[in-house]
N, C-alpha and C. Protein backbone atom coordinates (compact mmCIF):
# COMPACT_ATOMS: atom_id res chain seq x y z
N MET A 1 90.00 89.38 89.35
CA MET A 1 88.56 89.98 89.77
C MET A 1 88.93 91.25 90.99
N THR A 2 88.66 92.43 90.74
CA THR A 2 88.83 93.49 92.06
C THR A 2 87.77 93.31 93.02
N SER A 3 88.39 93.60 93.75
CA SER A 3 87.72 93.47 95.41
C SER A 3 86.75 94.72 95.53
N ASP A 4 85.46 94.30 96.28
CA ASP A 4 84.71 95.53 96.40
C ASP A 4 84.69 96.08 98.05
N TYR A 5 85.69 95.28 98.66
CA TYR A 5 85.95 95.71 100.09
C TYR A 5 87.41 96.86 100.13
N PHE A 6 87.56 97.59 100.90
CA PHE A 6 88.57 98.37 100.87
C PHE A 6 88.85 98.71 102.41
N ARG A 7 90.20 98.90 102.81
CA ARG A 7 90.53 99.33 104.23
C ARG A 7 91.11 100.85 104.12
N HIS A 8 90.61 101.95 104.59
CA HIS A 8 90.99 103.34 104.53
C HIS A 8 92.37 103.27 105.31
N TYR A 9 93.50 104.09 104.78
CA TYR A 9 94.59 104.17 105.20
C TYR A 9 94.78 104.70 106.65
N LYS A 10 93.81 105.68 107.09
CA LYS A 10 94.08 106.34 108.25
C LYS A 10 93.18 105.82 109.35
N THR A 11 91.73 105.41 109.18
CA THR A 11 90.95 104.72 110.14
C THR A 11 91.23 103.23 110.25
N ASN A 12 91.68 102.62 109.28
CA ASN A 12 91.68 101.07 109.06
C ASN A 12 89.96 100.71 108.86
N GLY A 13 89.23 101.57 108.74
CA GLY A 13 87.93 101.11 108.76
C GLY A 13 87.75 100.25 107.35
N ILE A 14 86.78 99.38 107.57
CA ILE A 14 86.48 98.55 106.28
C ILE A 14 85.18 99.26 105.54
N TYR A 15 85.43 99.43 104.45
CA TYR A 15 84.29 100.15 103.38
C TYR A 15 84.02 98.89 102.26
N GLN A 16 82.53 99.01 101.86
CA GLN A 16 82.20 98.31 100.51
C GLN A 16 81.88 99.12 99.44
N ILE A 17 82.38 99.23 98.32
CA ILE A 17 82.13 99.80 97.44
C ILE A 17 80.44 99.41 96.91
N ILE A 18 79.51 100.49 96.85
CA ILE A 18 78.28 100.20 96.28
C ILE A 18 78.22 100.38 94.83
N THR A 19 78.97 101.43 94.30
CA THR A 19 79.17 101.88 92.73
C THR A 19 80.11 102.52 92.56
N GLN A 20 81.06 102.36 91.76
CA GLN A 20 81.95 103.29 90.63
C GLN A 20 81.24 103.96 89.83
N ASN A 21 79.97 103.98 89.70
CA ASN A 21 79.72 104.43 88.21
C ASN A 21 78.67 105.89 88.70
N ALA A 22 78.52 106.42 89.96
CA ALA A 22 78.00 107.23 90.32
C ALA A 22 78.34 108.59 89.36
N LYS A 23 77.60 109.79 89.32
CA LYS A 23 78.31 111.05 88.61
C LYS A 23 77.80 112.15 89.83
N ASP A 24 78.32 113.18 89.79
CA ASP A 24 78.04 114.66 90.20
C ASP A 24 76.99 115.19 89.47
N SER A 25 75.53 115.38 89.68
CA SER A 25 74.54 115.97 88.82
C SER A 25 74.99 117.40 88.24
N ASN A 26 76.01 117.97 88.85
CA ASN A 26 76.60 119.38 88.61
C ASN A 26 77.62 119.08 87.45
N THR A 27 78.55 118.57 87.80
CA THR A 27 79.89 118.45 87.12
C THR A 27 80.02 117.31 85.97
N LEU A 28 79.10 116.32 86.50
CA LEU A 28 79.23 115.09 86.03
C LEU A 28 80.49 114.48 86.21
N GLU A 29 81.11 114.48 86.91
CA GLU A 29 82.43 113.99 87.62
C GLU A 29 81.98 112.79 88.39
N PRO A 30 82.90 111.74 87.91
CA PRO A 30 82.79 110.41 88.41
C PRO A 30 83.17 110.28 90.00
N LEU A 31 82.10 109.45 90.52
CA LEU A 31 82.19 109.23 92.24
C LEU A 31 81.97 107.96 92.44
N VAL A 32 82.57 107.73 93.62
CA VAL A 32 82.49 106.14 93.94
C VAL A 32 81.43 106.37 95.61
N VAL A 33 80.64 105.37 95.49
CA VAL A 33 79.67 105.42 96.64
C VAL A 33 79.99 104.23 97.35
N TYR A 34 80.26 104.32 98.76
CA TYR A 34 80.93 103.24 99.40
C TYR A 34 79.88 103.18 100.77
N LEU A 35 80.01 102.28 101.66
CA LEU A 35 79.43 101.90 102.83
C LEU A 35 80.52 101.50 103.65
N ASN A 36 80.77 101.87 105.11
CA ASN A 36 81.16 101.83 106.17
C ASN A 36 80.79 100.53 106.72
N ILE A 37 80.90 99.43 106.82
CA ILE A 37 80.52 98.19 106.83
C ILE A 37 80.39 98.15 108.47
N HIS A 38 80.86 98.72 109.35
CA HIS A 38 80.23 99.06 111.02
C HIS A 38 79.18 99.81 111.09
N THR A 39 79.23 100.96 110.75
CA THR A 39 78.40 101.88 111.02
C THR A 39 77.15 102.22 110.17
N LYS A 40 77.46 101.60 108.95
CA LYS A 40 76.46 101.61 107.98
C LYS A 40 76.40 103.07 107.21
N GLU A 41 77.06 103.70 107.76
CA GLU A 41 76.93 105.17 106.90
C GLU A 41 77.29 105.05 105.70
N ILE A 42 76.72 105.88 104.54
CA ILE A 42 77.03 105.97 103.28
C ILE A 42 77.71 107.14 102.75
N TRP A 43 78.67 106.69 102.08
CA TRP A 43 79.99 107.96 102.06
C TRP A 43 80.02 107.94 100.53
N VAL A 44 80.15 109.27 99.71
CA VAL A 44 80.49 109.58 98.22
C VAL A 44 81.89 110.42 98.26
N ARG A 45 82.75 110.06 97.30
CA ARG A 45 83.96 110.54 97.03
C ARG A 45 84.26 110.66 95.93
N LYS A 46 85.09 111.81 95.33
CA LYS A 46 85.34 111.78 93.91
C LYS A 46 86.28 110.18 93.68
N LYS A 47 85.65 109.92 92.27
CA LYS A 47 86.55 108.23 92.23
C LYS A 47 88.10 108.70 92.28
N GLU A 48 88.84 110.03 91.57
CA GLU A 48 89.98 110.07 91.34
C GLU A 48 90.37 110.26 92.99
N GLU A 49 89.91 110.80 93.80
CA GLU A 49 90.30 110.86 95.33
C GLU A 49 90.43 109.24 96.07
N PHE A 50 89.18 108.81 95.70
CA PHE A 50 89.20 107.56 95.97
C PHE A 50 90.43 106.55 95.88
N PHE A 51 90.81 106.27 94.67
CA PHE A 51 91.90 105.65 94.25
C PHE A 51 93.16 106.32 94.05
N GLU A 52 93.62 107.66 94.87
CA GLU A 52 94.76 107.94 94.67
C GLU A 52 95.51 107.67 95.69
N TYR A 53 96.59 108.36 95.63
CA TYR A 53 97.88 108.12 96.79
C TYR A 53 97.96 109.09 97.40
N VAL A 54 98.04 109.21 99.01
CA VAL A 54 98.09 110.33 99.89
C VAL A 54 99.33 109.92 101.00
N SER A 55 99.87 111.48 101.26
CA SER A 55 100.97 111.48 102.21
C SER A 55 100.47 110.96 103.36
N THR A 56 101.10 110.27 104.32
CA THR A 56 100.66 110.05 105.83
C THR A 56 101.71 111.09 106.66
N ASP A 57 101.43 111.26 108.01
CA ASP A 57 101.95 112.16 108.69
C ASP A 57 103.48 111.87 108.97
N SER A 58 103.93 110.69 108.61
CA SER A 58 105.53 110.62 108.45
C SER A 58 105.65 110.56 107.03
N LEU A 59 105.06 110.95 105.89
CA LEU A 59 105.44 111.53 104.84
C LEU A 59 105.88 110.43 103.64
N GLU A 60 104.90 109.10 104.11
CA GLU A 60 105.06 107.80 103.42
C GLU A 60 103.82 108.03 102.39
N LEU A 61 104.02 107.62 101.23
CA LEU A 61 103.16 107.67 100.13
C LEU A 61 102.28 106.24 99.91
N VAL A 62 101.04 106.47 100.51
CA VAL A 62 100.27 105.10 100.46
C VAL A 62 99.09 105.22 99.80
N LYS A 63 97.92 104.27 99.39
CA LYS A 63 97.04 104.44 98.78
C LYS A 63 95.87 105.06 99.79
N ARG A 64 95.01 105.93 99.28
CA ARG A 64 93.94 106.10 100.45
C ARG A 64 93.03 105.00 101.02
N PHE A 65 92.76 104.07 100.11
CA PHE A 65 91.76 103.07 100.18
C PHE A 65 92.68 101.50 99.74
N THR A 66 92.98 100.84 100.35
CA THR A 66 93.56 99.59 99.75
C THR A 66 92.75 98.13 99.90
N PRO A 67 92.80 97.54 98.89
CA PRO A 67 91.65 96.44 98.36
C PRO A 67 92.27 95.40 99.77
N VAL A 68 91.17 94.46 100.23
CA VAL A 68 91.35 93.40 101.09
C VAL A 68 90.35 92.46 100.65
N ASP A 69 91.02 91.26 100.85
CA ASP A 69 89.96 89.96 100.77
C ASP A 69 88.65 89.98 101.23
N PRO A 70 87.57 89.91 100.85
CA PRO A 70 86.38 89.82 101.32
C PRO A 70 85.99 88.49 102.74
N ARG A 71 87.27 87.56 102.13
CA ARG A 71 86.88 86.59 103.31
C ARG A 71 87.68 86.86 104.70
N GLU A 72 88.57 88.03 104.36
CA GLU A 72 89.59 88.37 105.61
C GLU A 72 88.35 89.36 106.19
N HIS A 73 87.63 90.14 105.73
CA HIS A 73 86.14 90.76 106.37
C HIS A 73 85.51 89.86 106.96
N ILE A 74 85.23 88.99 106.28
CA ILE A 74 84.26 88.25 107.03
C ILE A 74 84.61 87.48 108.34
N GLN A 75 85.78 86.78 107.97
CA GLN A 75 86.70 86.58 109.39
C GLN A 75 87.08 87.61 110.52
N LEU A 76 87.45 88.79 110.24
CA LEU A 76 87.75 89.82 110.99
C LEU A 76 86.26 90.18 111.77
N TYR A 77 85.29 90.21 111.36
CA TYR A 77 84.22 91.01 111.84
C TYR A 77 82.98 89.79 112.36
N TYR A 78 83.09 88.64 111.66
CA TYR A 78 81.87 87.83 112.04
C TYR A 78 82.50 86.57 112.48
N GLY A 79 83.90 86.35 112.72
CA GLY A 79 84.58 85.34 113.16
C GLY A 79 84.48 83.82 112.57
N ASP A 80 84.79 83.00 112.89
CA ASP A 80 84.74 81.78 111.80
C ASP A 80 83.38 81.06 112.02
N PHE A 81 83.31 80.35 110.68
CA PHE A 81 81.90 79.81 110.63
C PHE A 81 81.78 78.25 111.36
């Protein structure tokens, strides 16, 4: 099963994917729509870019967004139940 929660490599922000099935109305290019779980801002990025590897300032190649366990997300931001 694929995680719907991802950590951004640069900001360490946690994002929840709303859908991976959106399309650009002009080009029909696949898009990912995702939510910043803290600010509640909704973002859109080309699907290819969302899942690509990027070069960091130290020239290390990393995933732009790394899947995280939803239980980690809940514990990190809401504490223990």
